[in-house]
Every structure is written in structure tokens, then in C-alpha cells.
Amino acid sequence: MRWKFERHIRPMGARKGHCAWKGGCAWKGDWQAQKAKWRERKRPGRTGPEQMGPPNGFALLPWLLMGMGAFSNLLQGKTPNPWIGGIGLLAFNSLYIHVVFRAFDKKARQAPSTRRALLALAVITCGLAITYGGSWLLFFMLLGLATGSIVRGRWLGPIALGLGALAGVVAGLRDGWGAVNVAYGTFISCMVTAAILALSETVKELRETREELARSAVEQERLRFSRDLHDLLGHTLSVIVVKSEAARRLAPRDMDAALAQITDIESVGRQALTEIREAVTGYRDGSLATELDRARSALTAAEIEPVVRRSGPPPEPQTAALLGWVVREAVTNAVRHSGATKCEITVEGTAERVRLTITDDGRGAPADAAPAPYGTGLKGLTERLAAAGGSLHAGPSTRGGFRVRAELPVDSVKSADLAGAAGPRHTE
């Protein structure tokens, strides 16, 4: 019957398929959406409170049964001027349905048209209650439900009190001391409805926040993996290219030295495969000692003299892992861009802080590095060390060339998390 009403009963001039009654369209759209959600919840494996979803306009429709007494009196002819009562009852029910279905859409709930519809519902309620009294006074409680579904924030209390007082005054004129029950019921229905719906909206927002945090965690893990893998491959491929060039140069005059470089290439490749497997599982921890050994090998293959000095107590594993990233990044950039003949790496440890300094005698930062003078990888390392309570400075050395200096607290707590986070990107 509803479909026939929408299809055939429409105002003159309305185009076919157009619903002139705005509330009816909202009800139709909400019904289709709720039907889709109901089918989704009925799918196998989707059970439990987490899948129930928030309430909707249908939850407030059964309360219309409170008007059955007035409707029964109307049918039995006990109501004077039944045409006025019938029109009032139809208008009340229509406006009530319109308001409560719009209450579950925040944008529609806050629209001026919804507030005007609620005001019209209040006027009709007062008119019917003053005219007929008796069972028609129960419509004030329905008005309280509709008001509680719409009003939020600091205006809720004053409006609920005012509505309860209005219901009490009107009911007092028609029903004497029974007005106390009507006023109390109107106030309670308004406050309880608002509290339940506000709680439901809060739960919905918390669920959305939890889903957003889960998506963010997945994105961060993807970013960590991509950067970590990029750093591993960039460093490894740089070493392989440098050693391959060295083998090519040595092959015509010293085949044994060339074979040694080729053996190193094989070793670097095997180690890279191991590190990539560990990076995929997310368990790769950097080692400062390992990175220093690799730095010596890469610098020697690039015909850059490595000078490594260490002093003081060894740093904590998390701090050493983060410093290992600095060594990897700085040495890779030195091999690629510096054109240096000598590179000094100094690790100085004290009771409170660890300082790492990498200095070369090359031509400094490349002209096309962006953002100069750090580059992408060093900029990322600067942020990571700052988050761990340390610092990183990179720029031209006073003796010429380029210098990278990193400092970290010995008992850096945050570095434990950052060491497994996203690795830096190399400067291309």
C-alpha cells in the first residue's frame, strides 16, 4: 500500500517518481538503508553486540501505541468534533515519524526544518491536549521522546524542564492532580531518550575512531616496511655497484684482487637476502658494529680510506641500532656523492650521551640535494633522533668536506620504538 501511495497519490504538477512529502522520502531512504544493514548482520559469522549497530528511527515508532486510547475514542465516537481529532491525530503521527527519523542523521537533525517540524508537533500536541484532555494528554510524552531525540548539549535541560512544565500546566487544566504524572513522564521521556541516543552516538564515534586507528596502524606499518626495504636495497646496491666497478678496474692487471671483490659482492648479496627476509618479518635490528664493518668495506671498495675510532662504554642496543642507521645513511651518501679520499667515523661514549661523527674530505653536499644540505634520508634521521631525545646536524665541515654529527642519550627510551620504525630514505 505504501508503494501505491507514493506512486499514484501526489500533488498536481509533481513529476513522476518524485515524493512531495519530504518526511516520506526520508523514511523511505532510511528503510532501504536499514534493510541493507539488517541483511548484512544476518550474514554467517556476523553476530554479537559488535555487529548490532546503532539504533534508528524504527526504535521510536512503537511508542506511537500510546495514542491508541485516543484513536479508540475517535473510532467509537466518544470524541467531539471527530474530524478535527482525526486530522490532528494524522498530523501528529506524520510529524512524529518525520522528526524521529531525521534525528539519527546529524546533518538532518540540526537542520532548521527539523526544528520547525518539532515546534509544529508541540503546537499540535498542546492543541489536542487542551481540546480533548484524557488519553490525549499522553501525546506530551511522545513529544518528549521526539524532543529528546533532536535536542543535544546545554539546551537539553532547560528545554526538558520547560516542556515538562508546559505539559503539567495543560494537564492541570484538564485533569487536576493527574498533571504531576504527565509532567514527570514528559520530562523523563525527553531526558532518557536524549541520554540513550547521545551514548549511542558516542559509541558509534568510538568505533569509527578505532577503525581509523587500525587503518592508520596498517598504513604506518606499510610505510615502515617500504622505507626499511628501500634503505636496505639502496645501501646494498650501492656497495654492489662500487665493488663491481672496482672488480672491472682490477681485472686487467690483478685477477686475484678482482676475484676478491667479486667474492665480496657475493657475500654482500647473500647478506642482503638475509636482511630482506628479516625486514619482511619485522624483526631486523640494526647493529652499530655490523654497520661499521660494512662501512669500512664499502669505503675501501670506493677507494675512500676509512678511519674508525671508538671510545667509551658501548651504547644500549636500541641506541646502537639507531646510530647504525646514521652510519649507513652517511656512508652511502659519501660513497655516492662526496668524491672523497678519506672518511673518518668516530663514536664517543660517555655516562650520559653517545656521539657519532662522520667526516669526509670530499666536495660536500651535492648541488642537487633536496632539501639541502641534508637530503631526504638525513632529514628523516633528524626527526627520528629528535623524537628519541637526541639530535643530528649535517653540513659542511670546517676543514672542508661534509660532516654528520649525531648525539643520543645512553638510556634513550623512545629509541627502542623508533629503531624498528621506518628507516630513512637515501638521497638520490
Protein backbone atom coordinates (compact mmCIF):
# COMPACT_ATOMS: atom_id res chain seq x y z
CA MET A 1 0.00 0.00 0.00
CA ARG A 2 2.86 2.38 0.73
CA TRP A 3 4.27 1.91 -2.76
CA LYS A 4 0.89 2.62 -4.34
CA PHE A 5 0.60 5.78 -2.22
CA GLU A 6 3.97 7.05 -3.37
CA ARG A 7 3.35 6.18 -6.99
CA HIS A 8 -0.19 7.45 -7.52
CA ILE A 9 -1.08 9.93 -4.77
CA ARG A 10 0.99 13.03 -5.49
CA PRO A 11 0.20 16.73 -5.83
CA MET A 12 -0.79 18.14 -9.16
CA GLY A 13 2.28 19.16 -11.16
CA ALA A 14 4.68 16.88 -9.29
CA ARG A 15 6.84 14.86 -11.63
CA LYS A 16 6.55 11.08 -11.74
CA GLY A 17 8.61 9.26 -9.10
CA HIS A 18 9.02 12.48 -7.06
CA CYS A 19 7.92 12.32 -3.43
CA ALA A 20 6.45 15.68 -2.46
CA TRP A 21 6.30 14.73 1.23
CA LYS A 22 9.87 15.28 2.43
CA GLY A 23 9.40 13.20 5.54
CA GLY A 24 8.13 10.28 3.49
CA CYS A 25 11.25 10.36 1.32
CA ALA A 26 13.44 10.37 4.41
CA TRP A 27 11.51 7.41 5.82
CA LYS A 28 11.84 5.53 2.54
CA GLY A 29 15.58 6.14 2.32
CA ASP A 30 16.11 5.15 5.93
CA TRP A 31 14.10 1.98 5.45
CA GLN A 32 16.23 0.94 2.46
CA ALA A 33 19.45 1.66 4.38
CA GLN A 34 18.26 -0.25 7.45
CA LYS A 35 17.17 -3.19 5.29
CA ALA A 36 20.66 -3.39 3.79
CA LYS A 37 22.24 -3.27 7.27
CA TRP A 38 19.83 -5.97 8.50
CA ARG A 39 20.82 -8.27 5.62
CA GLU A 40 24.49 -7.59 6.33
CA ARG A 41 24.07 -8.51 10.01
CA LYS A 42 22.27 -11.73 9.03
CA ARG A 43 25.27 -12.95 7.06
CA PRO A 44 27.03 -16.02 8.54
CA GLY A 45 29.68 -15.16 11.05
CA ARG A 46 28.30 -11.69 11.83
CA THR A 47 26.77 -12.00 15.28
CA GLY A 48 27.20 -10.41 18.68
CA PRO A 49 26.89 -6.90 20.11
CA GLU A 50 29.64 -5.52 17.86
CA GLN A 51 27.51 -6.19 14.79
CA MET A 52 24.18 -4.90 16.14
CA GLY A 53 24.76 -1.32 15.04
CA PRO A 54 23.27 1.88 16.47
CA PRO A 55 19.51 2.40 16.98
CA ASN A 56 17.43 4.06 14.30
CA GLY A 57 14.07 5.71 13.81
CA PHE A 58 12.22 2.39 13.99
CA ALA A 59 13.15 2.12 17.68
CA LEU A 60 10.87 5.07 18.49
CA LEU A 61 7.90 4.02 16.38
CA PRO A 62 6.33 1.50 18.85
CA TRP A 63 5.77 4.35 21.30
CA LEU A 64 3.01 5.59 18.99
CA LEU A 65 0.87 2.88 20.57
CA MET A 66 0.44 5.28 23.49
CA GLY A 67 -2.02 7.08 21.24
CA MET A 68 -4.23 4.03 20.79
CA GLY A 69 -6.60 5.23 23.53
CA ALA A 70 -7.25 8.49 21.71
CA PHE A 71 -7.62 6.61 18.42
CA SER A 72 -10.10 4.16 20.02
CA ASN A 73 -12.21 7.02 21.42
CA LEU A 74 -12.18 8.60 17.99
CA LEU A 75 -13.47 5.43 16.31
CA GLN A 76 -16.15 4.87 18.97
CA GLY A 77 -17.49 8.38 18.55
CA LYS A 78 -16.62 9.43 22.10
CA THR A 79 -14.60 12.39 20.83
CA PRO A 80 -16.45 15.60 19.96
CA ASN A 81 -15.66 17.07 16.55
CA PRO A 82 -14.09 13.79 15.34
CA TRP A 83 -12.90 15.33 12.05
CA ILE A 84 -10.72 17.78 13.94
CA GLY A 85 -9.40 14.98 16.15
CA GLY A 86 -8.71 12.73 13.15
CA ILE A 87 -6.84 15.44 11.26
CA GLY A 88 -4.89 16.32 14.41
CA LEU A 89 -4.02 12.66 15.03
CA LEU A 90 -2.85 12.17 11.43
CA ALA A 91 -0.76 15.37 11.55
CA PHE A 92 0.77 14.38 14.90
CA ASN A 93 1.76 10.90 13.72
CA SER A 94 3.18 12.23 10.45
CA LEU A 95 5.27 14.90 12.14
CA TYR A 96 6.43 12.47 14.84
CA ILE A 97 7.66 9.94 12.25
CA HIS A 98 9.30 12.72 10.25
CA VAL A 99 11.14 14.09 13.28
CA VAL A 100 12.36 10.83 14.82
CA PHE A 101 13.75 9.50 11.54
CA ARG A 102 15.66 12.73 10.96
CA ALA A 103 17.05 12.53 14.49
CA PHE A 104 19.54 9.81 13.54
CA ASP A 105 21.23 11.88 10.84
CA LYS A 106 23.33 14.62 12.44
CA LYS A 107 23.03 16.99 9.49
CA ALA A 108 19.27 16.47 9.19
CA ARG A 109 18.81 16.71 12.97
CA GLN A 110 20.48 20.12 13.10
CA ALA A 111 18.59 21.47 10.07
CA PRO A 112 16.17 24.37 10.70
CA SER A 113 13.37 22.43 9.02
CA THR A 114 13.63 19.73 11.69
CA ARG A 115 13.36 22.31 14.47
CA ARG A 116 10.31 23.84 12.79
CA ALA A 117 8.71 20.40 12.48
CA LEU A 118 9.34 19.79 16.19
CA LEU A 119 7.78 23.15 17.05
CA ALA A 120 4.74 22.31 14.91
CA LEU A 121 4.50 18.96 16.72
CA ALA A 122 4.46 20.81 20.07
CA VAL A 123 1.70 23.15 18.88
CA ILE A 124 -0.48 20.26 17.69
CA THR A 125 0.13 18.37 20.95
CA CYS A 126 -0.95 21.36 23.04
CA GLY A 127 -4.00 21.92 20.84
CA LEU A 128 -5.18 18.31 21.09
CA ALA A 129 -4.49 18.11 24.83
CA ILE A 130 -6.33 21.36 25.61
CA THR A 131 -9.26 20.46 23.36
CA TYR A 132 -9.82 16.85 24.43
CA GLY A 133 -7.76 16.05 27.57
CA GLY A 134 -7.91 12.50 28.93
CA SER A 135 -5.90 9.99 26.88
CA TRP A 136 -4.86 12.80 24.51
CA LEU A 137 -2.55 14.09 27.27
CA LEU A 138 -0.27 11.12 26.66
CA PHE A 139 0.88 12.79 23.46
CA PHE A 140 3.03 15.04 25.65
CA MET A 141 5.20 12.03 26.46
CA LEU A 142 5.55 11.29 22.76
CA LEU A 143 6.50 14.94 22.30
CA GLY A 144 9.16 14.41 24.99
CA LEU A 145 10.55 11.44 23.06
CA ALA A 146 10.72 13.45 19.84
CA THR A 147 12.32 16.39 21.63
CA GLY A 148 14.92 14.19 23.33
CA SER A 149 15.86 12.66 20.00
CA ILE A 150 16.57 16.11 18.49
CA VAL A 151 17.94 18.36 21.24
CA ARG A 152 21.56 17.99 22.43
CA GLY A 153 24.03 19.93 24.53
CA ARG A 154 23.41 22.66 27.08
CA TRP A 155 19.88 23.43 25.83
CA LEU A 156 18.60 19.95 26.67
CA GLY A 157 17.99 20.55 30.39
CA PRO A 158 16.14 23.88 30.09
CA ILE A 159 14.04 22.63 27.18
CA ALA A 160 13.14 19.40 29.00
CA LEU A 161 12.14 21.34 32.13
CA GLY A 162 10.13 23.81 30.10
CA LEU A 163 8.38 21.05 28.21
CA GLY A 164 7.56 19.23 31.44
CA ALA A 165 6.17 22.44 32.97
CA LEU A 166 4.07 23.08 29.85
CA ALA A 167 2.69 19.55 29.98
CA GLY A 168 1.92 19.96 33.69
CA VAL A 169 0.05 23.25 33.16
CA VAL A 170 -2.04 21.92 30.26
CA ALA A 171 -2.77 18.64 32.05
CA GLY A 172 -3.67 20.56 35.23
CA LEU A 173 -6.34 22.45 33.35
CA ARG A 174 -7.86 19.21 32.09
CA ASP A 175 -7.02 16.54 34.67
CA GLY A 176 -6.27 18.17 38.00
CA TRP A 177 -3.66 16.38 40.11
CA GLY A 178 -3.00 13.86 37.35
CA ALA A 179 -0.91 16.61 35.77
CA VAL A 180 2.02 15.61 38.01
CA ASN A 181 2.34 12.24 36.28
CA VAL A 182 2.07 13.82 32.84
CA ALA A 183 4.71 16.44 33.63
CA TYR A 184 7.08 13.90 35.16
CA GLY A 185 6.60 11.44 32.29
CA THR A 186 7.24 14.16 29.70
CA PHE A 187 10.44 15.32 31.41
CA ILE A 188 11.78 11.79 31.93
CA SER A 189 10.97 10.66 28.38
CA CYS A 190 12.86 13.65 26.98
CA MET A 191 15.97 13.23 29.18
CA VAL A 192 16.23 9.42 28.91
CA THR A 193 15.82 9.46 25.14
CA ALA A 194 18.48 12.13 24.75
CA ALA A 195 20.87 10.26 27.08
CA ILE A 196 20.47 6.93 25.28
CA LEU A 197 20.87 8.42 21.82
CA ALA A 198 23.86 10.52 22.88
CA LEU A 199 25.50 7.40 24.32
CA SER A 200 24.77 5.53 21.11
CA GLU A 201 26.36 8.31 19.05
CA THR A 202 29.42 8.27 21.31
CA VAL A 203 29.80 4.52 20.88
CA LYS A 204 29.49 4.93 17.13
CA GLU A 205 32.18 7.63 17.11
CA LEU A 206 34.45 5.41 19.23
CA ARG A 207 34.02 2.55 16.79
CA GLU A 208 34.84 4.82 13.87
CA THR A 209 37.88 6.13 15.76
CA ARG A 210 39.05 2.59 16.47
CA GLU A 211 38.69 1.66 12.81
CA GLU A 212 40.57 4.80 11.79
CA LEU A 213 43.38 3.98 14.24
CA ALA A 214 43.55 0.46 12.84
CA ARG A 215 43.80 1.81 9.29
CA SER A 216 46.46 4.28 10.42
CA ALA A 217 48.46 1.49 12.06
CA VAL A 218 48.35 -0.52 8.85
CA GLU A 219 49.48 2.50 6.83
CA GLN A 220 52.33 3.19 9.26
CA GLU A 221 53.46 -0.42 9.04
CA ARG A 222 53.40 -0.27 5.24
CA LEU A 223 55.39 2.94 5.34
CA ARG A 224 57.89 1.40 7.76
CA PHE A 225 58.34 -1.64 5.59
CA SER A 226 58.69 0.34 2.34
CA ARG A 227 61.25 2.72 3.81
CA ASP A 228 63.16 -0.07 5.52
CA LEU A 229 63.28 -2.09 2.33
CA HIS A 230 64.25 0.99 0.31
CA ASP A 231 67.11 1.70 2.70
CA LEU A 232 68.35 -1.89 2.63
CA LEU A 233 68.28 -2.13 -1.16
CA GLY A 234 69.75 1.33 -1.67
CA HIS A 235 72.74 0.63 0.58
CA THR A 236 73.30 -2.89 -0.72
CA LEU A 237 73.04 -1.95 -4.37
CA SER A 238 75.40 0.97 -3.82
CA VAL A 239 78.01 -1.40 -2.34
CA ILE A 240 77.50 -3.90 -5.16
CA VAL A 241 77.91 -1.18 -7.82
CA VAL A 242 81.08 0.17 -6.19
CA LYS A 243 82.63 -3.27 -5.81
CA SER A 244 81.66 -4.21 -9.38
CA GLU A 245 83.41 -1.11 -10.68
CA ALA A 246 86.47 -1.98 -8.58
CA ALA A 247 86.49 -5.54 -9.95
CA ARG A 248 86.23 -4.22 -13.51
CA ARG A 249 89.20 -1.91 -12.97
CA LEU A 250 91.32 -4.59 -11.29
CA ALA A 251 90.55 -7.43 -13.69
CA PRO A 252 93.07 -6.44 -16.48
CA ARG A 253 96.07 -6.13 -14.11
CA ASP A 254 95.24 -8.17 -10.96
CA MET A 255 92.82 -11.03 -11.40
CA ASP A 256 93.19 -12.22 -7.80
CA ALA A 257 92.15 -8.80 -6.43
CA ALA A 258 89.23 -8.70 -8.88
CA LEU A 259 88.11 -12.15 -7.72
CA ALA A 260 88.29 -10.94 -4.13
CA GLN A 261 85.95 -8.06 -4.99
CA ILE A 262 83.59 -10.48 -6.74
CA THR A 263 83.63 -12.69 -3.64
CA ASP A 264 82.69 -9.64 -1.58
CA ILE A 265 79.83 -8.93 -3.98
CA GLU A 266 78.53 -12.46 -3.47
CA SER A 267 78.81 -12.06 0.30
CA VAL A 268 77.00 -8.71 0.23
CA GLY A 269 74.24 -10.18 -1.91
CA ARG A 270 73.73 -13.13 0.42
CA GLN A 271 73.68 -10.83 3.44
CA ALA A 272 71.16 -8.59 1.68
CA LEU A 273 68.85 -11.56 1.10
CA THR A 274 69.04 -12.42 4.80
CA GLU A 275 68.28 -8.84 5.83
CA ILE A 276 65.36 -8.56 3.42
CA ARG A 277 63.83 -11.75 4.84
CA GLU A 278 64.25 -10.36 8.35
CA ALA A 279 62.79 -6.99 7.30
CA VAL A 280 59.72 -8.71 5.86
CA THR A 281 59.02 -10.33 9.23
CA GLY A 282 59.68 -7.03 11.00
CA TYR A 283 62.40 -8.40 13.30
CA ARG A 284 65.51 -6.82 11.83
CA ASP A 285 67.57 -4.93 14.45
CA GLY A 286 70.43 -2.75 13.34
CA SER A 287 73.86 -3.27 14.86
CA LEU A 288 76.37 -0.45 15.12
CA ALA A 289 79.34 -2.83 14.97
CA THR A 290 77.95 -4.53 11.87
CA GLU A 291 77.30 -1.21 10.17
CA LEU A 292 80.83 -0.03 10.95
CA ASP A 293 82.25 -3.17 9.35
CA ARG A 294 80.10 -2.66 6.28
CA ALA A 295 81.13 0.98 6.14
CA ARG A 296 84.82 0.00 6.07
CA SER A 297 84.17 -2.45 3.24
CA ALA A 298 82.07 -0.01 1.18
CA LEU A 299 84.51 2.89 1.63
CA THR A 300 87.52 0.71 0.75
CA ALA A 301 85.82 -0.56 -2.40
CA ALA A 302 85.08 3.06 -3.39
CA GLU A 303 88.79 3.90 -2.88
CA ILE A 304 87.99 6.03 0.18
CA GLU A 305 90.26 5.47 3.17
CA PRO A 306 88.14 4.50 6.21
CA VAL A 307 89.23 5.63 9.69
CA VAL A 308 87.07 4.25 12.51
CA ARG A 309 87.56 5.21 16.16
CA ARG A 310 85.52 4.07 19.17
CA SER A 311 85.82 5.14 22.79
CA GLY A 312 83.78 4.92 25.96
CA PRO A 313 81.26 2.29 27.05
CA PRO A 314 79.16 0.58 24.37
CA PRO A 315 75.69 2.12 23.92
CA GLU A 316 72.43 0.35 24.64
CA PRO A 317 71.19 -1.94 21.82
CA GLN A 318 68.35 0.43 20.88
CA THR A 319 70.65 3.44 20.76
CA ALA A 320 73.26 1.47 18.81
CA ALA A 321 70.59 0.40 16.31
CA LEU A 322 69.57 4.00 15.67
CA LEU A 323 73.20 5.11 15.31
CA GLY A 324 73.67 2.25 12.86
CA TRP A 325 71.08 3.87 10.60
CA VAL A 326 73.09 7.10 10.72
CA VAL A 327 76.30 5.29 9.73
CA ARG A 328 74.52 3.51 6.89
CA GLU A 329 72.97 6.70 5.52
CA ALA A 330 76.04 8.92 5.87
CA VAL A 331 78.47 6.39 4.36
CA THR A 332 76.12 5.64 1.47
CA ASN A 333 75.89 9.35 0.67
CA ALA A 334 79.69 9.68 0.96
CA VAL A 335 80.22 6.82 -1.48
CA ARG A 336 77.67 8.20 -3.94
CA HIS A 337 78.22 11.91 -3.86
CA SER A 338 81.29 13.08 -1.95
CA GLY A 339 84.23 12.24 -4.23
CA ALA A 340 86.29 11.99 -1.03
CA THR A 341 89.58 10.17 -0.44
CA LYS A 342 89.21 9.78 3.32
CA CYS A 343 86.28 9.29 5.69
CA GLU A 344 86.55 9.36 9.47
CA ILE A 345 83.96 7.72 11.72
CA THR A 346 84.20 8.46 15.43
CA VAL A 347 82.00 7.00 18.18
CA GLU A 348 82.43 8.63 21.59
CA GLY A 349 80.50 7.33 24.58
CA THR A 350 80.04 8.94 27.99
CA ALA A 351 77.95 8.09 31.03
CA GLU A 352 75.04 10.14 29.68
CA ARG A 353 75.33 10.52 25.90
CA VAL A 354 76.77 8.88 22.81
CA ARG A 355 78.17 11.00 19.97
CA LEU A 356 78.73 9.76 16.43
CA THR A 357 80.69 11.91 13.96
CA ILE A 358 81.24 11.06 10.29
CA THR A 359 83.52 13.42 8.33
CA ASP A 360 84.86 13.19 4.78
CA ASP A 361 87.21 15.39 2.78
CA GLY A 362 85.10 15.48 -0.37
CA ARG A 363 83.28 18.25 -2.13
CA GLY A 364 80.42 18.48 0.39
CA ALA A 365 76.69 18.23 -0.24
CA PRO A 366 75.67 17.76 -3.88
CA ALA A 367 74.18 20.77 -5.57
CA ASP A 368 71.02 18.88 -6.47
CA ALA A 369 70.39 17.51 -2.97
CA ALA A 370 66.93 18.43 -1.71
CA PRO A 371 66.37 19.77 0.77
CA ALA A 372 70.00 20.99 1.02
CA PRO A 373 72.22 20.33 2.76
CA TYR A 374 70.65 17.29 4.40
CA GLY A 375 68.88 15.27 1.77
CA THR A 376 65.80 13.14 2.32
CA GLY A 377 67.44 10.39 4.39
CA LEU A 378 69.30 12.72 6.73
CA LYS A 379 66.19 14.82 7.20
CA GLY A 380 64.25 11.73 8.25
CA LEU A 381 67.06 10.72 10.60
CA THR A 382 66.99 14.20 12.14
CA GLU A 383 63.32 13.76 13.00
CA ARG A 384 63.86 10.26 14.41
CA LEU A 385 66.77 11.27 16.62
CA ALA A 386 64.88 14.32 17.87
CA ALA A 387 61.96 12.08 18.84
CA ALA A 388 64.42 9.85 20.73
CA GLY A 389 65.76 12.81 22.71
CA GLY A 390 68.85 13.29 20.55
CA SER A 391 69.96 15.49 17.69
CA LEU A 392 71.56 15.28 14.26
CA HIS A 393 73.44 18.02 12.42
CA ALA A 394 74.75 17.71 8.88
CA GLY A 395 76.60 20.26 6.82
CA PRO A 396 79.99 21.44 5.51
CA SER A 397 82.93 20.70 7.76
CA THR A 398 85.25 23.48 8.97
CA ARG A 399 88.15 21.57 7.37
CA GLY A 400 86.31 21.08 4.11
CA GLY A 401 84.16 18.20 3.02
CA PHE A 402 80.94 17.14 4.76
CA ARG A 403 80.22 16.23 8.37
CA VAL A 404 77.34 14.39 10.03
CA ARG A 405 77.14 14.53 13.83
CA ALA A 406 74.55 12.59 15.85
CA GLU A 407 74.01 12.56 19.61
CA LEU A 408 71.71 10.33 21.64
CA PRO A 409 71.14 9.76 25.36
CA VAL A 410 72.57 6.47 26.61
CA ASP A 411 69.25 5.43 28.21
CA SER A 412 67.03 6.62 25.37
CA VAL A 413 63.64 5.02 25.94
CA LYS A 414 61.94 6.19 22.79
CA SER A 415 64.67 4.90 20.53
CA ALA A 416 63.53 1.36 21.26
CA ASP A 417 60.35 2.02 19.34
CA LEU A 418 61.99 4.11 16.67
CA ALA A 419 64.69 1.58 15.86
CA GLY A 420 62.04 -0.74 14.47
CA ALA A 421 60.10 2.03 12.79
CA ALA A 422 60.51 3.42 9.32
CA GLY A 423 64.07 3.60 8.09
CA PRO A 424 65.39 6.68 6.30
CA ARG A 425 65.39 7.18 2.60
CA HIS A 426 68.64 7.79 0.79
CA THR A 427 69.46 10.95 -1.05
CA GLU A 428 69.19 10.15 -4.71
